[in-house]
């Protein structure tokens, strides 16, 4: 039964929790009180826009919210539980079937995900520059939930209308740089003004900030890009790296071990383990990723890994390392 529930993504494995080894969101009680929404970073809404009797309304598929929470918790190297809610202050963190607080990106940040039944609300209280990564992290889990539920992928992003019209939402258009209001006579244009509390969610998709002149030397299609962390940059090439090290797996493992970047035990496993080489390569890359995420100075560790890989003199590996190093300055 446990295997079936995990296969259906109804429960998530959760080690070292006093409640048990598996987490079942649907069994939790409802949230009775929410903290006030942040204003420095406006909550991002995700929903489906449906036609209802000549008017458009927002909705989410039934079962989407718990599935999304489970898919997020399955990203064990990125997402962890937030601390247990304090019994004296039940609104500090959420752990309910319709509101959940999670630690993300090496437990550096906290997000709140709230089921509003017409939409899912994402609250983030920390660094604005990481909003696009939070958006993509949650959307990846929602897309997997879509596939599980066999529903359409025509979701929309939105914000609550700043004009305090409770029935109005600012729907983000496909260009991710402008909005339209569902109820207001004139559109609010929250992504086109100077208010970065909205625009921060899509800073990776927008051109130069409103109110500033773009340089004539910039190409017309140039976009503002979010500077990725060492962990994210390595993750972006990890699948390709696992493929190209297959032909020289023991040499790669030996070089990393000699530089004390992996353990002797892992190197021995690469030599004598019974798994096929593709599984060994995937495990080696995963261990590098996990070690990188746990480093107090991830950039220094990644630089050491890159140097060790380049010393092998394998062109395909060197090409990926060069791309990885270049992404730091892009």
Protein backbone atom coordinates (compact mmCIF):
# COMPACT_ATOMS: atom_id res chain seq x y z
CA UNK A 1 0.00 0.00 0.00
CA UNK A 2 2.84 2.39 0.87
CA UNK A 3 4.44 1.79 -2.55
CA UNK A 4 1.13 2.53 -4.27
CA UNK A 5 0.58 5.75 -2.33
CA UNK A 6 4.11 6.92 -3.12
CA UNK A 7 3.69 5.97 -6.79
CA UNK A 8 0.51 8.07 -6.92
CA UNK A 9 2.33 10.93 -5.13
CA UNK A 10 -0.28 10.94 -2.36
CA UNK A 11 2.35 10.66 0.37
CA UNK A 12 5.98 11.77 0.56
CA UNK A 13 8.83 10.11 2.42
CA UNK A 14 9.78 12.22 5.43
CA UNK A 15 12.64 10.93 7.55
CA UNK A 16 13.40 12.00 11.12
CA UNK A 17 9.90 13.35 11.80
CA UNK A 18 8.16 12.54 15.07
CA UNK A 19 4.87 12.09 13.20
CA UNK A 20 6.25 9.15 11.22
CA UNK A 21 8.25 8.19 8.14
CA UNK A 22 5.70 9.39 5.57
CA UNK A 23 3.91 12.67 5.12
CA UNK A 24 0.22 12.67 4.09
CA UNK A 25 -0.94 16.28 3.44
CA UNK A 26 -4.61 15.37 3.03
CA UNK A 27 -4.74 14.07 6.62
CA UNK A 28 -3.86 17.44 8.13
CA UNK A 29 -6.37 19.84 9.64
CA UNK A 30 -7.43 23.11 8.02
CA UNK A 31 -5.63 26.38 8.67
CA UNK A 32 -7.77 28.66 10.83
CA UNK A 33 -5.68 31.83 10.65
CA UNK A 34 -3.19 33.25 8.16
CA UNK A 35 -0.54 35.89 8.68
CA UNK A 36 -1.09 39.15 6.80
CA UNK A 37 0.28 38.87 3.26
CA UNK A 38 3.70 40.48 2.70
CA UNK A 39 3.83 43.79 0.84
CA UNK A 40 7.52 44.01 -0.02
CA UNK A 41 7.05 40.95 -2.24
CA UNK A 42 3.46 40.66 -3.39
CA UNK A 43 2.08 37.09 -3.32
CA UNK A 44 2.10 35.36 -6.70
CA UNK A 45 -1.10 33.55 -7.66
CA UNK A 46 -1.35 30.50 -9.93
CA UNK A 47 -4.70 29.39 -11.31
CA UNK A 48 -6.69 28.32 -14.35
CA UNK A 49 -8.94 30.88 -16.03
CA UNK A 50 -12.29 29.39 -17.01
CA UNK A 51 -15.33 30.74 -18.81
CA UNK A 52 -18.41 30.76 -16.59
CA UNK A 53 -21.68 32.15 -17.95
CA UNK A 54 -20.11 34.90 -19.99
CA UNK A 55 -17.60 35.87 -17.31
CA UNK A 56 -14.12 34.53 -16.60
CA UNK A 57 -13.31 33.14 -13.17
CA UNK A 58 -10.29 31.53 -11.57
CA UNK A 59 -10.12 27.92 -10.41
CA UNK A 60 -7.63 25.14 -9.70
CA UNK A 61 -8.10 21.41 -10.36
CA UNK A 62 -9.34 19.42 -7.39
CA UNK A 63 -6.44 17.59 -5.72
CA UNK A 64 -3.78 19.84 -7.24
CA UNK A 65 -2.63 21.42 -3.97
CA UNK A 66 -1.67 18.25 -1.99
CA UNK A 67 -0.06 16.75 -5.10
CA UNK A 68 2.03 19.88 -5.55
CA UNK A 69 3.20 19.77 -1.93
CA UNK A 70 4.23 16.13 -2.29
CA UNK A 71 6.11 16.82 -5.54
CA UNK A 72 7.95 19.68 -3.86
CA UNK A 73 8.94 17.49 -0.90
CA UNK A 74 10.26 14.88 -3.34
CA UNK A 75 12.97 17.41 -4.28
CA UNK A 76 14.94 16.34 -1.21
CA UNK A 77 18.08 18.30 -2.01
CA UNK A 78 16.14 21.54 -2.52
CA UNK A 79 12.99 21.44 -0.38
CA UNK A 80 12.63 20.51 3.30
CA UNK A 81 10.00 20.95 5.97
CA UNK A 82 9.87 24.24 7.79
CA UNK A 83 10.11 23.97 11.59
CA UNK A 84 7.06 22.59 13.35
CA UNK A 85 4.48 25.31 14.02
CA UNK A 86 4.87 26.79 17.49
CA UNK A 87 1.88 25.88 19.63
CA UNK A 88 2.06 29.36 21.18
CA UNK A 89 2.09 31.05 17.81
CA UNK A 90 0.29 28.89 15.27
CA UNK A 91 0.80 31.41 12.48
CA UNK A 92 4.63 31.36 12.59
CA UNK A 93 4.78 28.42 10.17
CA UNK A 94 2.00 26.51 8.44
CA UNK A 95 1.51 22.75 8.27
CA UNK A 96 -2.08 22.25 7.22
CA UNK A 97 -3.83 20.58 4.34
CA UNK A 98 -4.52 24.00 2.80
CA UNK A 99 -1.41 25.97 3.86
CA UNK A 100 2.20 24.78 4.00
CA UNK A 101 5.52 26.40 4.91
CA UNK A 102 8.65 24.92 3.32
CA UNK A 103 12.37 25.58 3.54
CA UNK A 104 13.98 25.81 0.10
CA UNK A 105 17.45 26.09 -1.45
CA UNK A 106 19.58 24.58 1.32
CA UNK A 107 17.05 25.79 3.94
CA UNK A 108 18.12 29.37 3.29
CA UNK A 109 14.63 30.66 2.47
CA UNK A 110 11.04 29.95 3.51
CA UNK A 111 8.00 29.93 1.25
CA UNK A 112 4.33 29.67 2.20
CA UNK A 113 2.01 27.93 -0.26
CA UNK A 114 -1.68 28.49 0.40
CA UNK A 115 -4.69 26.82 -1.18
CA UNK A 116 -7.27 29.56 -1.82
CA UNK A 117 -9.39 27.02 -3.74
CA UNK A 118 -9.81 29.44 -6.65
CA UNK A 119 -6.02 29.77 -6.89
CA UNK A 120 -2.75 28.80 -5.24
CA UNK A 121 -0.96 31.64 -3.46
CA UNK A 122 2.84 31.73 -3.09
CA UNK A 123 4.28 33.94 -0.38
CA UNK A 124 7.98 34.70 -0.18
CA UNK A 125 9.47 37.03 2.42
CA UNK A 126 13.17 37.08 1.71
CA UNK A 127 15.38 38.17 -1.20
CA UNK A 128 13.60 39.56 -4.28
CA UNK A 129 16.29 38.39 -6.67
CA UNK A 130 15.34 34.76 -5.93
CA UNK A 131 11.65 35.19 -6.80
CA UNK A 132 12.05 33.78 -10.35
CA UNK A 133 13.72 30.67 -8.95
CA UNK A 134 10.91 30.23 -6.41
CA UNK A 135 8.39 30.66 -9.24
CA UNK A 136 10.08 27.99 -11.37
CA UNK A 137 10.49 25.62 -8.42
CA UNK A 138 6.76 25.70 -7.62
CA UNK A 139 5.75 25.60 -11.28
CA UNK A 140 7.81 22.47 -11.87
CA UNK A 141 5.87 20.73 -9.09
CA UNK A 142 2.54 22.05 -10.44
CA UNK A 143 3.34 20.77 -13.94
CA UNK A 144 4.04 17.32 -12.54
CA UNK A 145 0.73 17.49 -10.66
CA UNK A 146 -1.00 18.47 -13.92
CA UNK A 147 0.35 15.33 -15.54
CA UNK A 148 -0.82 13.19 -12.62
CA UNK A 149 -4.33 14.66 -12.81
CA UNK A 150 -4.42 14.68 -16.63
CA UNK A 151 -5.53 18.32 -16.74
CA UNK A 152 -4.64 21.04 -19.22
CA UNK A 153 -1.49 23.12 -18.91
CA UNK A 154 -3.17 26.46 -19.59
CA UNK A 155 -2.43 27.91 -16.16
CA UNK A 156 -2.04 31.63 -15.58
CA UNK A 157 -0.08 33.78 -13.16
CA UNK A 158 -1.89 36.61 -11.41
CA UNK A 159 -1.84 39.11 -8.54
CA UNK A 160 -4.57 40.46 -6.34
CA UNK A 161 -5.76 43.81 -7.67
CA UNK A 162 -3.98 46.64 -5.79
CA UNK A 163 -7.17 48.72 -6.02
CA UNK A 164 -8.72 46.57 -3.28
CA UNK A 165 -11.39 45.18 -5.59
CA UNK A 166 -11.85 41.77 -3.98
CA UNK A 167 -13.27 40.27 -7.18
CA UNK A 168 -10.53 41.60 -9.45
CA UNK A 169 -7.25 39.94 -10.37
CA UNK A 170 -4.34 41.25 -12.42
CA UNK A 171 -3.70 38.44 -14.91
CA UNK A 172 -0.13 38.20 -16.19
CA UNK A 173 -0.05 38.11 -19.98
CA UNK A 174 1.96 35.62 -22.02
CA UNK A 175 4.85 38.07 -22.42
CA UNK A 176 5.29 37.96 -18.60
CA UNK A 177 5.86 41.71 -18.73
CA UNK A 178 2.32 43.12 -18.64
CA UNK A 179 -1.05 42.43 -17.02
CA UNK A 180 -4.77 42.85 -17.60
CA UNK A 181 -7.44 43.28 -14.94
CA UNK A 182 -10.48 41.02 -14.79
CA UNK A 183 -12.81 43.65 -13.29
CA UNK A 184 -11.25 47.12 -13.34
CA UNK A 185 -12.30 49.55 -16.06
CA UNK A 186 -8.65 50.55 -16.63
CA UNK A 187 -5.87 48.00 -16.23
CA UNK A 188 -3.53 48.37 -13.25
CA UNK A 189 -0.32 47.58 -15.18
CA UNK A 190 1.45 46.33 -12.04
CA UNK A 191 4.33 44.85 -14.08
CA UNK A 192 4.88 48.02 -16.08
CA UNK A 193 5.28 50.52 -13.26
CA UNK A 194 8.06 51.19 -10.80
CA UNK A 195 6.73 48.82 -8.12
CA UNK A 196 9.29 46.04 -7.88
CA UNK A 197 7.16 44.13 -5.36
CA UNK A 198 5.32 42.70 -8.39
CA UNK A 199 7.99 42.82 -11.07
CA UNK A 200 10.51 40.84 -8.99
CA UNK A 201 8.64 37.60 -9.79
CA UNK A 202 9.42 38.02 -13.50
CA UNK A 203 12.72 39.90 -13.40
CA UNK A 204 14.31 37.12 -15.49
CA UNK A 205 11.78 37.70 -18.29
CA UNK A 206 11.67 41.47 -18.52
CA UNK A 207 13.76 43.96 -20.39
CA UNK A 208 15.31 47.01 -18.80
CA UNK A 209 13.43 48.55 -15.88
CA UNK A 210 10.69 51.09 -16.58
CA UNK A 211 11.86 54.65 -16.18
CA UNK A 212 15.38 53.89 -17.48
CA UNK A 213 16.70 54.16 -21.01
CA UNK A 214 18.08 51.06 -22.63
CA UNK A 215 21.61 51.42 -23.92
CA UNK A 216 21.90 51.69 -27.70
CA UNK A 217 24.72 49.16 -27.47
CA UNK A 218 22.35 46.54 -26.04
CA UNK A 219 20.78 44.14 -28.58
CA UNK A 220 16.99 44.60 -28.84
CA UNK A 221 16.27 41.13 -27.46
CA UNK A 222 18.58 41.39 -24.47
CA UNK A 223 16.85 40.31 -21.24
CA UNK A 224 17.70 40.88 -17.64
CA UNK A 225 19.03 37.61 -16.29
CA UNK A 226 19.10 36.34 -12.74
CA UNK A 227 22.57 35.44 -11.48
CA UNK A 228 22.36 31.76 -10.62
CA UNK A 229 23.98 30.20 -7.59
CA UNK A 230 26.79 27.65 -7.89
CA UNK A 231 24.28 24.92 -7.02
CA UNK A 232 21.84 25.94 -9.75
CA UNK A 233 24.57 26.30 -12.37
CA UNK A 234 25.87 22.81 -11.68
CA UNK A 235 22.33 21.41 -11.67
CA UNK A 236 21.76 22.87 -15.14
CA UNK A 237 24.56 20.75 -16.64
CA UNK A 238 24.36 17.72 -14.34
CA UNK A 239 22.41 15.46 -16.72
CA UNK A 240 24.81 16.10 -19.61
CA UNK A 241 27.84 15.72 -17.37
CA UNK A 242 26.61 12.32 -16.19
CA UNK A 243 26.40 11.25 -19.84
CA UNK A 244 29.88 12.36 -20.93
CA UNK A 245 31.79 10.92 -17.95
CA UNK A 246 30.58 7.39 -18.75
CA UNK A 247 33.54 6.65 -21.01
CA UNK A 248 36.09 7.60 -18.34
CA UNK A 249 34.16 7.11 -15.12
CA UNK A 250 36.98 5.61 -13.05
CA UNK A 251 39.41 8.31 -14.19
CA UNK A 252 36.90 11.03 -13.23
CA UNK A 253 36.25 9.41 -9.86
CA UNK A 254 39.97 8.96 -9.25
CA UNK A 255 40.77 12.58 -10.03
CA UNK A 256 38.00 13.87 -7.74
CA UNK A 257 39.08 11.51 -4.98
CA UNK A 258 42.73 12.57 -5.30
CA UNK A 259 41.62 16.18 -4.81
CA UNK A 260 39.54 15.08 -1.78
CA UNK A 261 36.35 16.29 -3.47
CA UNK A 262 34.60 12.92 -3.00
CA UNK A 263 35.13 10.18 -0.41
CA UNK A 264 37.31 7.12 -0.84
CA UNK A 265 34.21 4.98 -0.31
CA UNK A 266 32.44 6.54 -3.28
CA UNK A 267 35.54 6.10 -5.47
CA UNK A 268 35.73 2.42 -4.46
CA UNK A 269 32.07 2.04 -5.40
CA UNK A 270 32.78 3.49 -8.85
CA UNK A 271 35.45 0.79 -9.33
CA UNK A 272 33.92 -2.30 -7.75
CA UNK A 273 30.20 -1.52 -7.49
CA UNK A 274 27.70 -3.84 -9.18
CA UNK A 275 25.53 -1.13 -10.76
CA UNK A 276 25.80 -0.40 -14.46
CA UNK A 277 28.05 2.53 -15.37
CA UNK A 278 25.16 4.86 -16.21
CA UNK A 279 23.79 4.49 -12.68
CA UNK A 280 27.25 4.97 -11.19
CA UNK A 281 27.78 8.14 -13.23
CA UNK A 282 24.40 9.50 -12.16
CA UNK A 283 25.23 8.75 -8.52
CA UNK A 284 28.63 10.44 -8.76
CA UNK A 285 27.08 13.60 -10.18
CA UNK A 286 24.31 13.51 -7.56
CA UNK A 287 26.89 13.23 -4.74
CA UNK A 288 28.78 16.23 -6.16
CA UNK A 289 25.49 18.17 -6.24
CA UNK A 290 24.61 17.17 -2.68
CA UNK A 291 28.11 18.01 -1.41
CA UNK A 292 27.99 21.33 -3.23
CA UNK A 293 24.65 22.21 -1.63
CA UNK A 294 26.08 21.51 1.83
CA UNK A 295 29.24 23.61 1.41
CA UNK A 296 29.72 26.84 3.39
CA UNK A 297 31.51 28.17 0.28
CA UNK A 298 29.84 26.50 -2.73
CA UNK A 299 31.72 28.59 -5.32
CA UNK A 300 35.11 27.42 -4.01
CA UNK A 301 34.04 23.76 -4.07
CA UNK A 302 32.62 24.10 -7.60
CA UNK A 303 35.82 25.77 -8.79
CA UNK A 304 37.83 22.84 -7.41
CA UNK A 305 35.54 20.35 -9.16
CA UNK A 306 35.87 22.23 -12.45
CA UNK A 307 39.68 22.33 -12.16
CA UNK A 308 39.84 18.60 -11.45
CA UNK A 309 37.59 17.75 -14.41
CA UNK A 310 39.60 19.93 -16.80
CA UNK A 311 42.81 18.15 -15.81
CA UNK A 312 41.42 14.98 -17.40
CA UNK A 313 41.85 16.53 -20.84
CA UNK A 314 38.60 15.06 -22.21
CA UNK A 315 37.09 17.48 -24.74
CA UNK A 316 33.41 16.77 -24.02
CA UNK A 317 33.96 17.18 -20.29
CA UNK A 318 36.05 20.33 -20.78
CA UNK A 319 33.33 21.84 -23.00
CA UNK A 320 30.73 21.38 -20.25
CA UNK A 321 33.10 22.76 -17.61
CA UNK A 322 33.82 25.81 -19.78
CA UNK A 323 30.07 26.37 -20.15
CA UNK A 324 29.66 26.02 -16.39
CA UNK A 325 32.40 28.56 -15.71
CA UNK A 326 31.05 30.96 -18.31
CA UNK A 327 27.56 30.85 -16.75
CA UNK A 328 29.02 32.42 -13.60
CA UNK A 329 29.76 35.67 -15.45
CA UNK A 330 26.71 35.79 -17.76
